[in-house]
Amino acid sequence: MSRDESVALSLPRVLNSNLHGLGLSSTLWINERSRELEDQGRRIFRLGLGQSPFPVPETVAQALRDHAHEKDYLPVLGLPELRAAVVGHHKREQGLSSYVADDVMVGPGSKELLFLLQLAYHGDLLLPNPSWVSYAPQARIIGRQVQWLETLAADGWLLDPELLAHHCGADPARPRILLLNYPNNPTGNTYSGDELESLARVAREHNVVVLADEIYGHVHHEGAHRSIAEYYPEGTILSGGLSKWCGAGGWRLGTFTFPQSLHWLRDAMASVASETFTSTSAPIQYAAVRAFEGGPEIDSYLRLSRQILTAVGARFTAALQACGAQVVRTLGGFYSFPDFSPLREQLSARGIDSNAVLAQRALDEVGVAFLGGTCFGRPSDELTARLAYVNFDGAEALRQAADLQGEPGALPSACDETVEAVELLADWVAR
């Protein structure tokens, strides 16, 4: 045994108890597992990781090249020009005109900002179920209580305001954050203005802080996204970024926009940020100004992106319904969340009695990679799954979609492999 090995064996293995049993994020795991199988020569249809298939708009990419020389630390809350551009974006795209640049905080991804929020605010996290894979683990790492709010497939997996009121009424004085993500990951569904107004009324009555995760707002398939901040501005924090609508997930830039009444919380988060990540990458912040300023090129990019996602989503819904699954029609983002429970009897006969086994067998037998519903908070014996229909060449799809304008429902041939994936899965399930 070497000297270094003997020293290492004597070091105490004392891990934060909140981290025991915590593995790699399931979305990242499925992506790495898919890559391993491809390296072995397998044909894998990657429907696991929800990364935008579209390239960063050229005008935004050029802005990054133009500012590659920027090397200085920027203010903790973010580049002033970017914070102003975010406010202009909210006003132009959502009609939210009460914000000023000082309300905005910029971070290295909205995921990091959410972590800081849970660290800074001492309260329970209310999570509609199903929810994105990292919300609950972040609360666990920090030591926060997670209160799951059950939703139903029959209701489109949307949170019932009466359930929220009942939960808050049981302990009125308890501080809470409601994390409302829409269009939703994993279900692809979203809320109407009336539904948001009802939820806002309950949140206001019970003094609930709402974190409105609207990262998929610009990929609402009809371009008709509404924000709960319209109805509950004083208690809502808007979360956004570049990853889903601008194809820049790897750039890691997120934004939180606070009402004046929650600046104390913004300041607390900024204090933690100053001692951790310091500030977000300077070149990326300068480039993000161009993205949030919008303009004809970006408007065209978004219009074509929505056109493509609408067509692919419709094919997924049709194929899944045809095989007997229960599935909500996708209204935003790039996810489908089928429940194969109506096929439980025949799946059970094949030894498939949980969504984890369903996902593993589909990967092994037909090469379709996706995540089981348990990753999103659903029961293990519920045969739900999240399919991310993003495994196509987004740049080529955009070029083809430009030629298909005026043909409702027309699907670029660049997306053929993605449609093949869901058809293979549907045939395999119904076999």
Protein backbone atom coordinates (compact mmCIF):
# COMPACT_ATOMS: atom_id res chain seq x y z
CA MET A 1 0.00 0.00 0.00
CA SER A 2 1.37 3.43 -0.93
CA ARG A 3 1.79 6.25 1.56
CA ASP A 4 -1.04 8.26 -0.09
CA GLU A 5 -3.39 5.26 0.10
CA SER A 6 -2.71 4.70 3.79
CA VAL A 7 -3.35 8.36 4.57
CA ALA A 8 -6.58 8.32 2.54
CA LEU A 9 -7.85 5.27 4.43
CA SER A 10 -7.44 7.10 7.73
CA LEU A 11 -9.41 10.19 6.68
CA PRO A 12 -12.88 10.30 8.28
CA ARG A 13 -15.74 9.79 5.82
CA VAL A 14 -18.17 12.32 7.25
CA LEU A 15 -20.80 13.36 4.73
CA ASN A 16 -23.57 15.90 5.20
CA SER A 17 -26.53 13.75 6.21
CA ASN A 18 -28.75 15.60 3.72
CA LEU A 19 -26.70 14.09 0.89
CA HIS A 20 -27.00 10.43 1.86
CA GLY A 21 -28.57 8.48 -0.99
CA LEU A 22 -28.52 11.49 -3.32
CA GLY A 23 -27.33 10.51 -6.78
CA LEU A 24 -26.72 12.30 -10.05
CA SER A 25 -29.69 14.26 -11.42
CA SER A 26 -31.78 11.73 -13.37
CA THR A 27 -31.89 13.89 -16.50
CA LEU A 28 -28.11 14.05 -16.60
CA TRP A 29 -27.84 10.33 -15.79
CA ILE A 30 -30.09 9.28 -18.69
CA ASN A 31 -28.07 11.44 -21.06
CA GLU A 32 -24.79 9.86 -19.96
CA ARG A 33 -26.29 6.35 -20.08
CA SER A 34 -27.55 7.00 -23.62
CA ARG A 35 -24.06 8.10 -24.66
CA GLU A 36 -22.54 4.93 -23.19
CA LEU A 37 -24.95 2.72 -25.17
CA GLU A 38 -24.25 4.64 -28.36
CA ASP A 39 -20.52 4.12 -27.81
CA GLN A 40 -21.30 0.41 -27.72
CA GLY A 41 -22.86 0.65 -31.18
CA ARG A 42 -26.53 0.76 -30.10
CA ARG A 43 -29.01 3.03 -31.86
CA ILE A 44 -30.53 5.14 -29.11
CA PHE A 45 -33.41 7.60 -29.39
CA ARG A 46 -32.62 10.24 -26.80
CA LEU A 47 -35.88 11.41 -25.24
CA GLY A 48 -34.39 11.78 -21.76
CA LEU A 49 -32.60 15.12 -21.36
CA GLY A 50 -34.77 18.19 -21.95
CA GLN A 51 -32.28 20.33 -23.84
CA SER A 52 -33.55 22.67 -26.54
CA PRO A 53 -32.72 21.23 -29.97
CA PHE A 54 -32.48 24.66 -31.57
CA PRO A 55 -29.24 26.62 -32.03
CA VAL A 56 -28.63 29.94 -30.36
CA PRO A 57 -29.95 32.66 -32.72
CA GLU A 58 -27.06 33.91 -34.83
CA THR A 59 -27.48 37.52 -33.72
CA VAL A 60 -27.07 36.40 -30.09
CA ALA A 61 -24.14 34.11 -30.88
CA GLN A 62 -22.44 37.01 -32.68
CA ALA A 63 -22.93 39.20 -29.61
CA LEU A 64 -21.07 36.58 -27.56
CA ARG A 65 -18.20 36.59 -30.05
CA ASP A 66 -18.12 40.38 -29.99
CA HIS A 67 -17.81 40.42 -26.19
CA ALA A 68 -15.43 37.49 -25.71
CA HIS A 69 -12.81 39.97 -24.48
CA GLU A 70 -14.93 41.07 -21.51
CA LYS A 71 -13.07 39.74 -18.48
CA ASP A 72 -14.02 41.90 -15.52
CA TYR A 73 -16.14 40.81 -12.59
CA LEU A 74 -19.61 42.26 -13.03
CA PRO A 75 -21.96 43.37 -10.23
CA VAL A 76 -23.37 40.53 -8.14
CA LEU A 77 -26.94 41.33 -9.22
CA GLY A 78 -25.90 41.46 -12.86
CA LEU A 79 -24.90 43.76 -15.70
CA PRO A 80 -27.08 46.91 -15.48
CA GLU A 81 -27.79 46.86 -19.25
CA LEU A 82 -28.92 43.25 -19.00
CA ARG A 83 -31.18 43.89 -16.02
CA ALA A 84 -32.80 46.74 -17.98
CA ALA A 85 -33.20 44.49 -21.03
CA VAL A 86 -34.94 41.84 -18.91
CA VAL A 87 -37.42 44.42 -17.65
CA GLY A 88 -38.07 45.59 -21.20
CA HIS A 89 -38.58 41.98 -22.21
CA HIS A 90 -41.21 41.44 -19.49
CA LYS A 91 -43.02 44.59 -20.56
CA ARG A 92 -42.91 43.84 -24.29
CA GLU A 93 -43.73 40.14 -24.15
CA GLN A 94 -46.02 39.89 -21.13
CA GLY A 95 -47.36 43.38 -20.55
CA LEU A 96 -45.74 43.54 -17.09
CA SER A 97 -44.90 47.22 -16.87
CA SER A 98 -44.34 47.78 -13.14
CA TYR A 99 -40.77 46.44 -12.96
CA VAL A 100 -37.52 48.42 -13.04
CA ALA A 101 -33.97 47.19 -13.63
CA ASP A 102 -33.25 47.16 -9.90
CA ASP A 103 -35.80 44.35 -9.49
CA VAL A 104 -33.71 41.88 -11.50
CA MET A 105 -31.04 39.46 -10.32
CA VAL A 106 -28.87 37.55 -12.80
CA GLY A 107 -27.27 34.21 -11.96
CA PRO A 108 -25.44 31.27 -13.58
CA GLY A 109 -28.68 29.53 -14.50
CA SER A 110 -32.13 29.81 -12.94
CA LYS A 111 -31.36 26.48 -11.21
CA GLU A 112 -28.65 28.17 -9.14
CA LEU A 113 -30.92 31.10 -8.32
CA LEU A 114 -33.62 28.70 -7.15
CA PHE A 115 -31.09 27.05 -4.84
CA LEU A 116 -30.17 30.44 -3.37
CA LEU A 117 -33.85 31.29 -2.90
CA GLN A 118 -34.48 28.13 -0.88
CA LEU A 119 -31.34 28.79 1.12
CA ALA A 120 -32.31 32.40 1.87
CA TYR A 121 -36.03 31.97 2.56
CA HIS A 122 -36.86 29.96 5.66
CA GLY A 123 -40.06 28.23 4.66
CA ASP A 124 -41.57 25.05 3.25
CA LEU A 125 -41.47 24.34 -0.46
CA LEU A 126 -44.87 23.57 -1.99
CA LEU A 127 -44.49 21.41 -5.09
CA PRO A 128 -47.32 20.43 -7.42
CA ASN A 129 -46.81 16.79 -8.30
CA PRO A 130 -45.40 15.90 -10.84
CA SER A 131 -42.59 18.42 -10.90
CA TRP A 132 -39.13 18.87 -12.42
CA VAL A 133 -36.47 16.51 -11.08
CA SER A 134 -34.25 19.05 -9.26
CA TYR A 135 -36.78 21.03 -7.22
CA ALA A 136 -37.17 18.53 -4.37
CA PRO A 137 -33.50 17.43 -4.22
CA GLN A 138 -32.43 21.06 -3.83
CA ALA A 139 -34.77 21.43 -0.85
CA ARG A 140 -33.39 18.21 0.61
CA ILE A 141 -29.78 19.39 0.26
CA ILE A 142 -30.62 22.61 2.10
CA GLY A 143 -32.78 20.85 4.71
CA ARG A 144 -36.13 22.38 3.75
CA GLN A 145 -39.46 20.59 4.09
CA VAL A 146 -41.13 19.63 0.80
CA GLN A 147 -44.91 19.51 0.78
CA TRP A 148 -46.26 17.72 -2.28
CA LEU A 149 -49.53 18.99 -3.74
CA GLU A 150 -51.14 16.18 -5.70
CA THR A 151 -52.56 16.82 -9.16
CA LEU A 152 -54.62 14.53 -11.37
CA ALA A 153 -54.21 13.40 -14.95
CA ALA A 154 -57.93 14.04 -15.42
CA ASP A 155 -57.28 17.72 -14.56
CA GLY A 156 -54.35 17.95 -16.95
CA TRP A 157 -51.93 17.67 -14.00
CA LEU A 158 -52.79 21.28 -13.02
CA LEU A 159 -52.84 22.46 -9.41
CA ASP A 160 -56.35 22.84 -7.96
CA PRO A 161 -56.69 26.18 -6.08
CA GLU A 162 -58.97 24.49 -3.52
CA LEU A 163 -56.23 21.98 -2.71
CA LEU A 164 -53.76 24.82 -2.22
CA ALA A 165 -56.22 26.65 0.06
CA HIS A 166 -56.89 23.49 2.08
CA HIS A 167 -53.18 22.83 2.54
CA CYS A 168 -52.36 26.39 3.62
CA GLY A 169 -55.41 26.61 5.89
CA ALA A 170 -54.19 23.67 7.98
CA ASP A 171 -51.30 25.79 9.34
CA PRO A 172 -51.94 29.43 8.35
CA ALA A 173 -48.85 30.95 9.99
CA ARG A 174 -46.31 28.66 8.32
CA PRO A 175 -44.10 30.45 5.70
CA ARG A 176 -44.19 28.82 2.28
CA ILE A 177 -42.90 29.10 -1.26
CA LEU A 178 -45.13 27.75 -4.02
CA LEU A 179 -43.03 26.68 -6.98
CA LEU A 180 -45.29 27.00 -10.01
CA ASN A 181 -43.71 25.86 -13.28
CA TYR A 182 -45.64 26.49 -16.51
CA PRO A 183 -45.64 25.53 -19.30
CA ASN A 184 -44.80 22.52 -17.23
CA ASN A 185 -41.91 20.13 -17.17
CA PRO A 186 -42.77 17.20 -17.30
CA THR A 187 -46.39 17.44 -18.48
CA GLY A 188 -46.24 20.03 -21.26
CA ASN A 189 -49.46 21.61 -19.98
CA THR A 190 -49.98 25.20 -18.82
CA TYR A 191 -52.49 27.48 -17.09
CA SER A 192 -55.06 29.85 -18.51
CA GLY A 193 -55.42 33.38 -17.23
CA ASP A 194 -58.51 32.42 -15.19
CA GLU A 195 -56.69 29.49 -13.59
CA LEU A 196 -53.73 31.67 -12.66
CA GLU A 197 -56.05 34.30 -11.20
CA SER A 198 -57.67 31.68 -8.96
CA LEU A 199 -54.30 30.43 -7.72
CA ALA A 200 -53.16 34.01 -7.13
CA ARG A 201 -56.21 34.72 -5.00
CA VAL A 202 -55.38 31.80 -2.70
CA ALA A 203 -51.67 32.66 -2.54
CA ARG A 204 -52.47 36.25 -1.55
CA GLU A 205 -54.96 35.14 1.11
CA HIS A 206 -52.34 32.88 2.75
CA ASN A 207 -49.25 35.07 2.21
CA VAL A 208 -47.53 32.47 0.03
CA VAL A 209 -44.45 33.55 -1.91
CA VAL A 210 -44.82 32.30 -5.50
CA LEU A 211 -41.79 31.40 -7.57
CA ALA A 212 -43.16 31.44 -11.12
CA ASP A 213 -40.77 29.27 -13.11
CA GLU A 214 -41.63 30.50 -16.61
CA ILE A 215 -38.50 29.21 -18.32
CA TYR A 216 -40.73 27.63 -21.02
CA GLY A 217 -42.96 30.68 -21.42
CA HIS A 218 -41.63 31.60 -24.85
CA VAL A 219 -42.16 28.09 -26.15
CA HIS A 220 -45.87 28.18 -25.42
CA HIS A 221 -46.98 26.63 -28.69
CA GLU A 222 -49.43 29.41 -29.48
CA GLY A 223 -47.23 32.21 -28.18
CA ALA A 224 -49.95 32.97 -25.62
CA HIS A 225 -48.12 32.59 -22.30
CA ARG A 226 -49.64 34.38 -19.29
CA SER A 227 -47.91 35.07 -15.97
CA ILE A 228 -49.34 34.76 -12.48
CA ALA A 229 -47.50 38.04 -11.80
CA GLU A 230 -50.38 39.76 -13.62
CA TYR A 231 -52.66 38.78 -10.74
CA TYR A 232 -50.27 38.59 -7.76
CA PRO A 233 -47.43 41.01 -8.51
CA GLU A 234 -46.56 41.77 -4.89
CA GLY A 235 -45.88 38.13 -3.99
CA THR A 236 -44.46 36.66 -7.20
CA ILE A 237 -40.85 36.18 -8.24
CA LEU A 238 -40.46 35.61 -11.99
CA SER A 239 -37.86 33.06 -13.02
CA GLY A 240 -36.50 32.91 -16.56
CA GLY A 241 -33.37 32.47 -18.60
CA LEU A 242 -31.91 31.58 -21.99
CA SER A 243 -31.88 27.79 -21.92
CA LYS A 244 -35.28 26.80 -23.33
CA TRP A 245 -36.36 29.58 -25.72
CA CYS A 246 -32.91 30.70 -26.87
CA GLY A 247 -31.20 27.31 -27.15
CA ALA A 248 -28.46 28.38 -24.73
CA GLY A 249 -28.71 25.87 -21.89
CA GLY A 250 -24.95 25.45 -21.64
CA TRP A 251 -24.42 29.19 -21.32
CA ARG A 252 -25.91 29.00 -17.82
CA LEU A 253 -27.68 32.31 -17.45
CA GLY A 254 -30.87 32.75 -15.45
CA THR A 255 -32.84 35.70 -14.15
CA PHE A 256 -35.11 36.35 -11.18
CA THR A 257 -37.35 39.43 -11.19
CA PHE A 258 -38.63 40.52 -7.77
CA PRO A 259 -41.42 42.87 -6.72
CA GLN A 260 -40.33 45.81 -4.58
CA SER A 261 -41.90 44.11 -1.56
CA LEU A 262 -39.41 41.22 -1.82
CA HIS A 263 -36.20 43.21 -2.28
CA TRP A 264 -35.15 42.09 1.19
CA LEU A 265 -35.09 38.54 -0.17
CA ARG A 266 -33.21 39.63 -3.30
CA ASP A 267 -30.60 41.30 -1.07
CA ALA A 268 -30.18 38.16 1.04
CA MET A 269 -29.68 36.06 -2.10
CA ALA A 270 -27.15 38.59 -3.40
CA SER A 271 -25.19 38.31 -0.15
CA VAL A 272 -24.93 34.54 -0.56
CA ALA A 273 -24.07 34.93 -4.26
CA SER A 274 -21.24 37.30 -3.39
CA GLU A 275 -19.69 34.59 -1.24
CA THR A 276 -20.23 31.76 -3.74
CA PHE A 277 -20.34 32.36 -7.50
CA THR A 278 -19.51 36.11 -7.25
CA SER A 279 -21.05 37.00 -10.61
CA THR A 280 -22.20 35.42 -13.85
CA SER A 281 -19.84 35.13 -16.84
CA ALA A 282 -19.29 38.61 -18.30
CA PRO A 283 -19.29 37.71 -22.04
CA ILE A 284 -22.52 35.73 -21.64
CA GLN A 285 -24.24 38.59 -19.81
CA TYR A 286 -23.33 41.02 -22.59
CA ALA A 287 -24.62 38.58 -25.21
CA ALA A 288 -27.82 38.05 -23.22
CA VAL A 289 -28.63 41.73 -23.59
CA ARG A 290 -29.09 41.09 -27.30
CA ALA A 291 -31.34 38.10 -26.64
CA PHE A 292 -33.65 39.96 -24.25
CA GLU A 293 -33.85 43.00 -26.53
CA GLY A 294 -35.63 40.81 -29.10
CA GLY A 295 -36.26 42.00 -32.63
CA PRO A 296 -37.42 40.57 -35.98
CA GLU A 297 -34.77 37.84 -36.19
CA ILE A 298 -35.57 36.49 -32.74
CA ASP A 299 -39.32 36.82 -33.34
CA SER A 300 -38.95 34.71 -36.49
CA TYR A 301 -36.80 32.18 -34.62
CA LEU A 302 -39.46 31.80 -31.92
CA ARG A 303 -42.32 31.56 -34.42
CA LEU A 304 -40.62 28.74 -36.33
CA SER A 305 -39.57 26.97 -33.12
CA ARG A 306 -43.15 26.95 -31.89
CA GLN A 307 -44.39 25.73 -35.27
CA ILE A 308 -42.00 22.77 -35.14
CA LEU A 309 -42.72 21.88 -31.51
CA THR A 310 -46.46 22.07 -32.10
CA ALA A 311 -46.23 19.62 -35.00
CA VAL A 312 -43.95 17.17 -33.17
CA GLY A 313 -46.06 17.37 -30.01
CA ALA A 314 -49.21 16.58 -31.98
CA ARG A 315 -47.55 13.46 -33.45
CA PHE A 316 -46.53 12.31 -29.98
CA THR A 317 -50.01 12.81 -28.57
CA ALA A 318 -51.61 10.96 -31.47
CA ALA A 319 -49.22 7.98 -31.32
CA LEU A 320 -49.54 7.61 -27.55
CA GLN A 321 -53.32 7.88 -27.54
CA ALA A 322 -53.51 5.34 -30.37
CA CYS A 323 -51.64 2.74 -28.32
CA GLY A 324 -53.99 3.25 -25.36
CA ALA A 325 -52.01 5.59 -23.12
CA GLN A 326 -53.63 8.49 -21.29
CA VAL A 327 -51.86 11.71 -22.25
CA VAL A 328 -52.51 15.45 -22.06
CA ARG A 329 -52.06 17.41 -25.28
CA THR A 330 -48.84 19.41 -25.09
CA LEU A 331 -49.39 23.17 -25.00
CA GLY A 332 -45.84 24.35 -24.34
CA GLY A 333 -42.25 23.24 -24.02
CA PHE A 334 -41.13 19.98 -25.57
CA TYR A 335 -42.43 17.26 -23.27
CA SER A 336 -45.11 14.62 -23.25
CA PHE A 337 -46.15 12.85 -20.04
CA PRO A 338 -48.10 9.69 -20.92
CA ASP A 339 -49.64 7.38 -18.36
CA PHE A 340 -49.58 3.79 -19.57
CA SER A 341 -51.72 2.56 -16.66
CA PRO A 342 -54.65 1.69 -18.99
CA LEU A 343 -52.27 -0.95 -20.41
CA ARG A 344 -51.26 -2.24 -16.99
CA GLU A 345 -52.60 -5.77 -17.47
CA GLN A 346 -50.63 -6.57 -20.62
CA LEU A 347 -47.53 -4.76 -19.38
CA SER A 348 -47.65 -6.63 -16.08
CA ALA A 349 -47.80 -9.89 -18.01
CA ARG A 350 -44.45 -8.89 -19.50
CA GLY A 351 -42.98 -8.18 -16.06
CA ILE A 352 -43.42 -4.40 -16.28
CA ASP A 353 -45.05 -3.23 -13.06
CA SER A 354 -43.33 0.11 -12.36
CA ASN A 355 -42.33 3.15 -14.36
CA ALA A 356 -38.66 2.49 -13.62
CA VAL A 357 -38.90 -0.98 -15.15
CA LEU A 358 -40.88 0.49 -18.05
CA ALA A 359 -38.10 2.97 -18.77
CA GLN A 360 -35.32 0.40 -18.42
CA ARG A 361 -37.03 -2.18 -20.63
CA ALA A 362 -37.84 0.37 -23.33
CA LEU A 363 -34.20 1.44 -23.38
CA ASP A 364 -32.93 -2.14 -23.49
CA GLU A 365 -35.40 -3.53 -26.01
CA VAL A 366 -36.11 -0.70 -28.47
CA GLY A 367 -33.46 1.88 -27.61
CA VAL A 368 -35.90 4.62 -26.58
CA ALA A 369 -34.46 6.57 -23.64
CA PHE A 370 -36.84 8.43 -21.33
CA LEU A 371 -37.45 8.95 -17.62
CA GLY A 372 -40.06 7.24 -15.47
CA GLY A 373 -42.59 9.25 -13.52
CA THR A 374 -40.89 8.49 -10.19
CA CYS A 375 -38.15 10.95 -11.18
CA PHE A 376 -40.83 13.67 -11.10
CA GLY A 377 -42.41 12.69 -7.80
CA ARG A 378 -44.98 10.17 -9.01
CA PRO A 379 -45.59 6.78 -7.33
CA SER A 380 -43.32 3.99 -8.53
CA ASP A 381 -46.22 1.72 -9.53
CA GLU A 382 -47.82 4.44 -11.67
CA LEU A 383 -46.84 3.78 -15.28
CA THR A 384 -46.05 7.39 -16.16
CA ALA A 385 -43.12 8.59 -18.24
CA ARG A 386 -41.64 11.84 -19.49
CA LEU A 387 -40.66 11.96 -23.14
CA ALA A 388 -38.55 14.94 -24.26
CA TYR A 389 -39.04 15.27 -28.02
CA VAL A 390 -35.78 17.08 -28.71
CA ASN A 391 -33.56 14.55 -30.50
CA PHE A 392 -33.54 16.27 -33.87
CA ASP A 393 -31.32 18.71 -35.74
CA GLY A 394 -32.86 22.01 -34.68
CA ALA A 395 -30.91 24.12 -37.15
CA GLU A 396 -32.03 21.99 -40.10
CA ALA A 397 -35.60 21.87 -38.77
CA LEU A 398 -35.70 25.67 -38.64
CA ARG A 399 -34.50 25.91 -42.23
CA GLN A 400 -37.12 23.42 -43.39
CA ALA A 401 -39.89 25.05 -41.34
CA ALA A 402 -39.21 28.37 -43.04
CA ASP A 403 -40.09 26.66 -46.35
CA LEU A 404 -43.20 25.04 -44.85
CA GLN A 405 -44.82 28.23 -43.58
CA GLY A 406 -48.52 28.33 -44.31
CA GLU A 407 -48.90 24.56 -44.04
CA PRO A 408 -50.59 23.92 -40.67
CA GLY A 409 -49.21 20.88 -38.90
CA ALA A 410 -46.47 20.32 -41.49
CA LEU A 411 -43.53 18.49 -39.97
CA PRO A 412 -39.95 19.10 -41.14
CA SER A 413 -38.24 15.88 -42.27
CA ALA A 414 -35.44 16.71 -39.81
CA CYS A 415 -37.84 15.53 -37.09
CA ASP A 416 -38.56 12.13 -38.67
CA GLU A 417 -36.32 10.23 -36.25
CA THR A 418 -38.08 11.82 -33.27
CA VAL A 419 -41.47 10.71 -34.58
CA GLU A 420 -40.01 7.27 -35.29
CA ALA A 421 -39.01 7.06 -31.62
CA VAL A 422 -42.51 7.57 -30.26
CA GLU A 423 -44.01 5.24 -32.86
CA LEU A 424 -41.51 2.53 -31.89
CA LEU A 425 -42.34 3.08 -28.24
CA ALA A 426 -46.09 2.99 -28.87
CA ASP A 427 -45.81 -0.23 -30.88
CA TRP A 428 -43.60 -1.82 -28.23
CA VAL A 429 -45.97 -0.89 -25.39
CA ALA A 430 -49.04 -2.18 -27.25
CA ARG A 431 -47.28 -5.38 -28.40
